Protein backbone atom coordinates (compact mmCIF):
# COMPACT_ATOMS: atom_id res chain seq x y z
CA UNK A 1 23.67 41.40 -12.79
CA UNK A 2 24.22 40.98 -16.52
CA UNK A 3 22.83 38.21 -18.72
CA UNK A 4 26.17 36.37 -18.91
CA UNK A 5 26.33 36.01 -15.12
CA UNK A 6 22.68 34.92 -14.92
CA UNK A 7 23.20 32.28 -17.60
CA UNK A 8 26.33 31.02 -15.84
CA UNK A 9 24.47 30.63 -12.54
CA UNK A 10 21.54 28.88 -14.20
CA UNK A 11 23.98 26.52 -15.93
CA UNK A 12 25.55 25.69 -12.56
CA UNK A 13 22.06 24.85 -11.23
CA UNK A 14 21.57 22.36 -14.07
CA UNK A 15 24.98 20.83 -13.43
CA UNK A 16 24.70 20.29 -9.70
CA UNK A 17 20.96 19.93 -9.11
CA UNK A 18 19.63 16.64 -7.85
CA UNK A 19 17.79 14.71 -10.51
CA UNK A 20 15.16 13.39 -8.14
CA UNK A 21 12.03 15.00 -9.55
CA UNK A 22 10.54 17.40 -12.07
CA UNK A 23 8.39 20.51 -12.48
CA UNK A 24 4.92 19.27 -13.37
CA UNK A 25 3.88 21.71 -16.08
CA UNK A 26 0.92 19.49 -17.03
CA UNK A 27 -0.75 20.12 -13.68
CA UNK A 28 0.34 23.70 -13.21
CA UNK A 29 -2.16 26.42 -12.29
CA UNK A 30 -2.49 29.47 -14.52
CA UNK A 31 -5.49 31.68 -13.80
CA UNK A 32 -6.25 35.28 -14.66
CA UNK A 33 -9.04 37.12 -12.84
CA UNK A 34 -10.41 40.60 -12.59
CA UNK A 35 -10.74 41.81 -9.00
CA UNK A 36 -13.01 44.72 -8.17
CA UNK A 37 -11.58 47.67 -6.33
CA UNK A 38 -11.12 47.00 -2.62
CA UNK A 39 -12.55 43.49 -2.81
CA UNK A 40 -11.24 40.06 -1.77
CA UNK A 41 -11.30 36.85 -3.74
CA UNK A 42 -10.27 33.20 -3.43
CA UNK A 43 -8.47 31.36 -6.20
CA UNK A 44 -8.29 27.61 -5.83
CA UNK A 45 -5.20 26.07 -7.40
CA UNK A 46 -5.32 23.01 -9.55
CA UNK A 47 -4.97 19.90 -7.39
CA UNK A 48 -1.38 19.39 -6.33
CA UNK A 49 -0.52 15.79 -7.25
CA UNK A 50 0.78 13.10 -4.91
CA UNK A 51 4.51 13.55 -4.56
CA UNK A 52 4.43 17.36 -4.43
CA UNK A 53 7.23 18.25 -2.04
CA UNK A 54 7.54 21.90 -3.09
CA UNK A 55 5.76 24.35 -5.30
CA UNK A 56 6.48 27.76 -6.67
CA UNK A 57 3.84 30.42 -7.14
CA UNK A 58 3.83 33.76 -8.85
CA UNK A 59 1.24 36.51 -8.42
CA UNK A 60 1.30 39.38 -10.87
CA UNK A 61 -0.95 42.45 -10.84
CA UNK A 62 -1.32 43.89 -14.35
CA UNK A 63 -2.60 47.17 -15.65
CA UNK A 64 -5.34 47.14 -18.26
CA UNK A 65 -4.33 45.51 -21.57
CA UNK A 66 -0.99 44.31 -20.21
CA UNK A 67 0.18 40.72 -20.76
CA UNK A 68 2.88 38.64 -19.06
CA UNK A 69 6.19 38.67 -20.89
CA UNK A 70 6.69 34.95 -20.18
CA UNK A 71 4.83 32.26 -18.28
CA UNK A 72 6.12 30.76 -15.04
CA UNK A 73 6.38 27.32 -16.65
CA UNK A 74 8.66 28.64 -19.38
CA UNK A 75 10.85 30.34 -16.78
CA UNK A 76 11.21 27.12 -14.79
CA UNK A 77 12.58 25.26 -17.79
CA UNK A 78 15.84 27.07 -17.12
CA UNK A 79 15.97 25.99 -13.47
CA UNK A 80 16.09 22.21 -12.99
CA UNK A 81 15.03 21.81 -9.36
CA UNK A 82 13.83 23.77 -6.32
CA UNK A 83 17.39 24.21 -5.00
CA UNK A 84 18.10 26.33 -8.07
CA UNK A 85 15.51 28.82 -6.93
CA UNK A 86 16.00 28.74 -3.19
CA UNK A 87 19.80 28.92 -3.30
CA UNK A 88 20.43 31.46 -6.02
CA UNK A 89 19.51 35.12 -6.32
CA UNK A 90 19.53 34.82 -10.09
CA UNK A 91 16.56 32.48 -10.04
CA UNK A 92 14.50 34.77 -7.83
CA UNK A 93 15.37 37.82 -9.95
CA UNK A 94 14.46 36.01 -13.11
CA UNK A 95 11.13 34.83 -11.73
CA UNK A 96 9.98 38.27 -10.65
CA UNK A 97 11.34 40.29 -13.54
CA UNK A 98 8.15 40.13 -15.55
CA UNK A 99 6.03 43.11 -16.49
CA UNK A 100 3.68 44.34 -13.79
CA UNK A 101 1.34 47.23 -13.25
CA UNK A 102 1.38 49.90 -10.60
CA UNK A 103 -1.61 48.46 -8.71
CA UNK A 104 -0.90 46.31 -5.66
CA UNK A 105 -2.57 43.60 -3.59
CA UNK A 106 -2.04 41.61 -0.41
CA UNK A 107 -2.46 37.85 -0.28
CA UNK A 108 -2.41 34.74 1.91
CA UNK A 109 -2.34 30.98 1.30
CA UNK A 110 -4.72 28.48 2.86
CA UNK A 111 -4.71 24.69 2.94
CA UNK A 112 -8.12 24.56 4.60
CA UNK A 113 -11.36 25.54 2.87
CA UNK A 114 -13.03 26.86 6.05
CA UNK A 115 -10.09 29.13 6.84
CA UNK A 116 -10.05 30.35 3.25
CA UNK A 117 -13.76 31.18 3.34
CA UNK A 118 -13.30 33.01 6.64
CA UNK A 119 -10.70 35.21 4.94
CA UNK A 120 -13.11 35.87 2.08
CA UNK A 121 -15.91 36.92 4.42
CA UNK A 122 -14.05 38.66 7.26
CA UNK A 123 -10.44 39.15 6.05
CA UNK A 124 -9.21 36.93 8.90
CA UNK A 125 -5.80 35.35 8.47
CA UNK A 126 -5.89 33.05 11.51
CA UNK A 127 -5.96 29.86 9.47
CA UNK A 128 -3.48 30.91 6.78
CA UNK A 129 -0.48 28.69 6.15
CA UNK A 130 1.42 31.62 4.61
CA UNK A 131 0.73 35.34 4.79
CA UNK A 132 2.28 38.36 3.09
CA UNK A 133 0.86 41.63 4.34
CA UNK A 134 3.21 43.67 2.22
CA UNK A 135 1.47 45.31 -0.71
CA UNK A 136 2.89 43.82 -3.89
CA UNK A 137 2.36 44.09 -7.62
CA UNK A 138 4.50 41.03 -8.35
CA UNK A 139 5.85 38.25 -6.18
CA UNK A 140 7.31 34.78 -6.69
CA UNK A 141 8.10 32.37 -3.90
CA UNK A 142 9.11 28.76 -3.36
CA UNK A 143 7.16 26.84 -0.69
CA UNK A 144 8.74 23.64 0.64
CA UNK A 145 7.72 20.76 2.88
CA UNK A 146 8.58 22.80 5.97
CA UNK A 147 5.42 24.81 5.31
CA UNK A 148 1.99 23.68 6.50
CA UNK A 149 0.69 24.69 3.07
CA UNK A 150 1.61 21.17 1.93
CA UNK A 151 -0.10 19.45 4.85
CA UNK A 152 -3.44 19.00 3.10
CA UNK A 153 -2.64 18.45 -0.57
CA UNK A 154 -4.13 18.37 -3.12
CA UNK A 155 -6.05 21.42 -1.87
CA UNK A 156 -4.69 24.96 -1.82
CA UNK A 157 -6.44 28.35 -1.89
CA UNK A 158 -4.99 31.80 -2.55
CA UNK A 159 -6.78 34.65 -0.81
CA UNK A 160 -6.13 37.97 -2.53
CA UNK A 161 -7.27 41.45 -1.48
CA UNK A 162 -7.19 44.45 -3.80
CA UNK A 163 -5.33 47.50 -2.55
CA UNK A 164 -6.78 49.74 -5.25
CA UNK A 165 -9.91 51.45 -3.96
CA UNK A 166 -10.86 53.00 -7.28
CA UNK A 167 -10.05 50.75 -10.23
CA UNK A 168 -10.44 47.07 -10.95
CA UNK A 169 -7.32 44.91 -11.05
CA UNK A 170 -6.21 42.14 -13.38
CA UNK A 171 -4.41 39.47 -11.38
CA UNK A 172 -2.53 36.46 -12.74
CA UNK A 173 -1.86 33.51 -10.44
CA UNK A 174 0.55 30.77 -11.47
CA UNK A 175 1.45 27.70 -9.42
CA UNK A 176 3.82 24.94 -10.53
CA UNK A 177 4.38 21.86 -8.31
CA UNK A 178 7.70 20.08 -7.96
CA UNK A 179 7.14 16.31 -8.00
CA UNK A 180 9.62 14.20 -6.11
CA UNK A 181 9.96 10.83 -7.85
CA UNK A 182 10.06 8.84 -4.61
CA UNK A 183 7.31 10.78 -2.86
CA UNK A 184 5.09 10.55 -5.95
CA UNK A 185 4.72 6.84 -5.28
CA UNK A 186 2.45 7.83 -2.39
CA UNK A 187 4.14 5.91 0.40
CA UNK A 188 3.80 8.38 3.23
CA UNK A 189 4.00 7.39 6.90
CA UNK A 190 0.36 6.34 7.16
CA UNK A 191 0.52 4.24 3.99
CA UNK A 192 3.62 2.47 5.25
CA UNK A 193 1.96 1.77 8.59
CA UNK A 194 -0.91 0.19 6.68
CA UNK A 195 1.51 -2.19 4.95
CA UNK A 196 3.29 -3.03 8.17
CA UNK A 197 -0.10 -3.86 9.67
CA UNK A 198 -0.72 -6.34 6.85
CA UNK A 199 2.75 -7.82 7.31
CA UNK A 200 2.12 -8.36 11.02
CA UNK A 201 -0.94 -10.47 10.19
CA UNK A 202 0.86 -12.84 7.83
CA UNK A 203 1.48 -16.45 8.85
CA UNK A 204 5.20 -15.79 8.49
CA UNK A 205 5.18 -12.94 11.01
CA UNK A 206 3.08 -14.97 13.46
CA UNK A 207 5.69 -17.71 13.39
CA UNK A 208 8.76 -15.51 13.79
CA UNK A 209 10.11 -14.61 17.21
CA UNK A 210 12.14 -11.64 15.95
CA UNK A 211 10.40 -10.13 12.97
CA UNK A 212 11.90 -6.67 12.38
CA UNK A 213 14.08 -7.78 9.47
CA UNK A 214 11.08 -9.45 7.86
CA UNK A 215 8.84 -6.41 8.32
CA UNK A 216 11.41 -4.06 6.81
CA UNK A 217 11.95 -6.35 3.82
CA UNK A 218 8.17 -6.76 3.36
CA UNK A 219 7.69 -3.00 3.30
CA UNK A 220 10.52 -2.52 0.81
CA UNK A 221 9.14 -5.21 -1.49
CA UNK A 222 5.62 -3.75 -1.60
CA UNK A 223 6.69 -0.12 -2.00
CA UNK A 224 9.15 -0.97 -4.76
CA UNK A 225 6.62 -3.01 -6.74
CA UNK A 226 3.62 -0.67 -6.54
CA UNK A 227 2.61 2.93 -6.08
CA UNK A 228 0.22 3.29 -3.16
CA UNK A 229 -2.64 4.18 -5.50
CA UNK A 230 -1.94 1.02 -7.53
CA UNK A 231 -1.85 -1.13 -4.40
CA UNK A 232 -5.21 0.23 -3.23
CA UNK A 233 -6.80 -0.67 -6.56
CA UNK A 234 -5.91 -4.37 -6.26
CA UNK A 235 -8.81 -6.77 -5.82
CA UNK A 236 -8.93 -8.70 -2.51
CA UNK A 237 -7.78 -11.90 -4.23
CA UNK A 238 -4.92 -10.04 -5.91
CA UNK A 239 -3.87 -8.53 -2.59
CA UNK A 240 -3.94 -11.92 -0.89
CA UNK A 241 -1.76 -13.46 -3.60
CA UNK A 242 0.62 -10.49 -3.50
CA UNK A 243 0.99 -10.63 0.28
CA UNK A 244 1.77 -14.36 0.14
CA UNK A 245 4.42 -13.97 -2.55
CA UNK A 246 5.97 -10.89 -0.95
CA UNK A 247 6.09 -12.68 2.40
CA UNK A 248 8.23 -15.44 0.92
CA UNK A 249 10.40 -12.99 -1.04
CA UNK A 250 10.96 -11.06 2.19
CA UNK A 251 12.04 -14.18 4.06
CA UNK A 252 14.79 -14.69 1.51
CA UNK A 253 15.82 -11.05 0.98
CA UNK A 254 16.03 -10.36 4.73
CA UNK A 255 18.40 -13.29 5.29
CA UNK A 256 16.18 -15.08 7.80
CA UNK A 257 15.32 -18.16 5.73
CA UNK A 258 17.31 -20.57 7.91
CA UNK A 259 15.76 -19.28 11.13
CA UNK A 260 12.30 -19.31 9.58
CA UNK A 261 12.62 -22.91 8.38
CA UNK A 262 13.68 -24.08 11.85
CA UNK A 263 10.55 -22.53 13.34
CA UNK A 264 8.42 -23.81 10.48
CA UNK A 265 9.68 -27.37 10.92
CA UNK A 266 8.85 -27.23 14.62
CA UNK A 267 5.36 -26.09 13.67
CA UNK A 268 5.01 -28.99 11.19
CA UNK A 269 6.13 -31.57 13.76
CA UNK A 270 3.60 -30.25 16.27
CA UNK A 271 0.84 -30.25 13.68
CA UNK A 272 1.70 -33.80 12.57
CA UNK A 273 0.93 -35.17 16.03
CA UNK A 274 -2.73 -34.24 15.61
CA UNK A 275 -3.21 -33.81 11.87
CA UNK A 276 -0.54 -35.68 9.91
CA UNK A 277 -2.31 -35.21 6.57
CA UNK A 278 -2.50 -31.44 7.12
CA UNK A 279 1.17 -31.36 8.06
CA UNK A 280 2.13 -33.21 4.88
CA UNK A 281 0.00 -30.85 2.80
CA UNK A 282 1.57 -27.76 4.36
CA UNK A 283 5.07 -29.11 3.86
CA UNK A 284 4.35 -29.84 0.21
CA UNK A 285 3.10 -26.27 -0.12
CA UNK A 286 6.39 -24.99 1.29
CA UNK A 287 8.46 -27.17 -1.04
CA UNK A 288 6.43 -27.32 -4.26
CA UNK A 289 4.59 -23.98 -4.34
CA UNK A 290 6.56 -21.60 -2.16
CA UNK A 291 9.91 -23.06 -3.26
CA UNK A 292 11.47 -22.51 0.15
CA UNK A 293 12.18 -26.11 1.15
CA UNK A 294 15.74 -27.37 1.56
CA UNK A 295 17.19 -30.77 2.43
CA UNK A 296 15.88 -30.68 6.01
CA UNK A 297 12.35 -30.14 4.75
CA UNK A 298 12.72 -32.99 2.25
CA UNK A 299 13.86 -35.25 5.07
CA UNK A 300 11.03 -34.10 7.33
CA UNK A 301 8.49 -34.83 4.60
CA UNK A 302 10.02 -38.30 4.16
CA UNK A 303 9.74 -38.89 7.90
CA UNK A 304 6.07 -37.86 7.86
CA UNK A 305 5.39 -40.28 5.03
CA UNK A 306 7.15 -42.98 7.06
CA UNK A 307 4.92 -42.25 10.08
CA UNK A 308 1.84 -42.60 7.86
CA UNK A 309 3.18 -45.86 6.31
CA UNK A 310 3.64 -44.38 2.84
CA UNK A 311 6.97 -46.08 2.51
CA UNK A 312 7.83 -45.46 -1.13
CA UNK A 313 7.18 -41.73 -0.81
CA UNK A 314 9.17 -41.73 2.41
CA UNK A 315 12.14 -43.31 0.66
CA UNK A 316 11.91 -40.95 -2.34
CA UNK A 317 11.97 -37.78 -0.25
CA UNK A 318 14.72 -38.96 2.10
CA UNK A 319 16.89 -39.87 -0.88
CA UNK A 320 16.27 -36.37 -2.27
CA UNK A 321 17.49 -34.93 1.04
CA UNK A 322 20.62 -37.11 0.92
CA UNK A 323 21.32 -36.02 -2.66
CA UNK A 324 21.41 -32.41 -1.45
CA UNK A 325 23.56 -33.11 1.61
CA UNK A 326 25.45 -36.40 1.70
CA UNK A 327 27.23 -35.45 4.94
CA UNK A 328 24.08 -35.24 7.08
CA UNK A 329 23.97 -38.67 8.75
CA UNK A 330 20.56 -37.96 10.28
CA UNK A 331 19.15 -38.52 6.79
CA UNK A 332 21.00 -41.84 6.64
CA UNK A 333 19.34 -42.96 9.88
CA UNK A 334 15.90 -42.17 8.50
CA UNK A 335 16.70 -44.09 5.32
CA UNK A 336 17.73 -47.06 7.48
CA UNK A 337 14.33 -46.87 9.17
CA UNK A 338 12.59 -47.09 5.79
CA UNK A 339 14.71 -50.12 4.85
CA UNK A 340 13.96 -51.78 8.18
CA UNK A 341 10.16 -51.49 8.01
CA UNK A 342 10.12 -52.68 4.38
CA UNK A 343 12.01 -55.92 5.11
CA UNK A 344 15.37 -54.78 3.77
CA UNK A 345 17.26 -55.63 6.92
CA UNK A 346 20.65 -56.15 5.27
CA UNK A 347 20.56 -52.64 3.73
CA UNK A 348 19.54 -51.10 7.05
CA UNK A 349 22.26 -53.09 8.81
CA UNK A 350 24.97 -51.72 6.53
CA UNK A 351 23.94 -48.15 7.31
CA UNK A 352 23.94 -48.80 11.06
CA UNK A 353 27.34 -50.48 10.94
CA UNK A 354 28.76 -47.49 9.06
CA UNK A 355 27.53 -44.78 11.39
CA UNK A 356 26.93 -46.42 14.80
CA UNK A 357 30.03 -44.87 16.37
CA UNK A 358 29.16 -41.32 15.31
CA UNK A 359 26.93 -38.55 16.65
CA UNK A 360 24.06 -37.19 14.61
CA UNK A 361 24.21 -33.96 16.66
CA UNK A 362 26.57 -32.38 19.18
CA UNK A 363 25.11 -34.27 22.15
CA UNK A 364 23.09 -36.99 20.42
CA UNK A 365 24.75 -40.25 19.47
CA UNK A 366 23.62 -42.45 16.60
CA UNK A 367 22.80 -45.23 19.07
CA UNK A 368 20.63 -43.07 21.36
CA UNK A 369 18.84 -41.51 18.39
CA UNK A 370 18.10 -45.00 17.02
CA UNK A 371 16.71 -46.22 20.34
CA UNK A 372 14.49 -43.13 20.69
CA UNK A 373 13.22 -43.47 17.11
CA UNK A 374 12.43 -47.17 17.60
CA UNK A 375 10.34 -46.35 20.67
CA UNK A 376 8.35 -43.73 18.75
CA UNK A 377 7.93 -46.03 15.74
CA UNK A 378 6.54 -48.82 17.94
CA UNK A 379 4.05 -46.42 19.53
CA UNK A 380 2.55 -45.49 16.16
CA UNK A 381 2.39 -49.11 15.01
CA UNK A 382 5.19 -49.34 12.46
CA UNK A 383 6.63 -52.85 11.83
CA UNK A 384 9.16 -53.59 14.58
CA UNK A 385 10.23 -57.18 13.94
CA UNK A 386 13.81 -56.24 13.12
CA UNK A 387 14.33 -53.64 15.80
CA UNK A 388 15.95 -56.06 18.29
CA UNK A 389 18.44 -57.23 15.68
CA UNK A 390 19.60 -53.68 15.07
CA UNK A 391 19.82 -52.95 18.80
CA UNK A 392 21.99 -56.04 19.32
CA UNK A 393 24.23 -54.82 16.50
CA UNK A 394 24.54 -51.43 18.13
CA UNK A 395 25.29 -52.88 21.58
């Protein structure tokens, strides 16, 4: 194969290769050792960084005083990604076409230190993740995620045995990792499970009946904002704040805000029966801090203020709800209640006259809703002097 053809193939690799990672020359291994005749040795690679999805290694046995014609890193500059090596003969030829001596060696790769040491002591290959029993004086190979050699990164050992029983050998080992941009963020299966565990414990998840959309959105939010190593370095207070903010962002991004607010409002109503002040505080948190409240939450807050006889606040919040949705007559009924208990009978009367023949829900009439509300208002001690007048108007 002539140089023109090789260059053409390499150019096609650059054109069509996926731009989803890079050869990490900064953390490449380049070690030269002298191996005594007939002996074995272990060479530990530099730590393979998080995100290593493939690596290429080259072993070259040199005669005395020989030097490599070009380093592995310089060769890889011409090949943009692992597919360029694994799919094209030109890449493999180019990688192995360096100067080499006549001496040969055998080698094996280990991802476990105990297995590597067993090879060193007894030449056993039982724990090797890759073996090559063929005697070689030069070899280059791409190792991908299908190999168990990447199961225990960042650790990797090369076991090499001299096949020269007379003379020492000079051996050069080079290893260059391919870093996948997405994988380099560190979000493997276990890390993601950790985040999902945190999401399950949030108050949002506890409230939801169907939470899969929320959990998926929560995971996406965390993994897009931080690398796993960055997330682990957060202080407990920082993590707590992050989880709270991401929870609310996930409610919105997953499209479940309406369903969540319905459940949340039910929770607030239940809480208000025993702890009205706590219910008001939580609802303010939802509206003022979390910024999730809509017109229904404004109206609910107004109703809670009415129950606790904070009439001006009740009126303010109900009017805010009406300003957001003028067609929701339920809000008008609650405003009429405020008018009635604050001696503004004529204003309450006008509202009742306007809507008394309508339904506030599919199966709930204005009249029945008014009667039910009056009963509840009397039970909690709200002023009821004008209730009978309104009921006569409705009848």
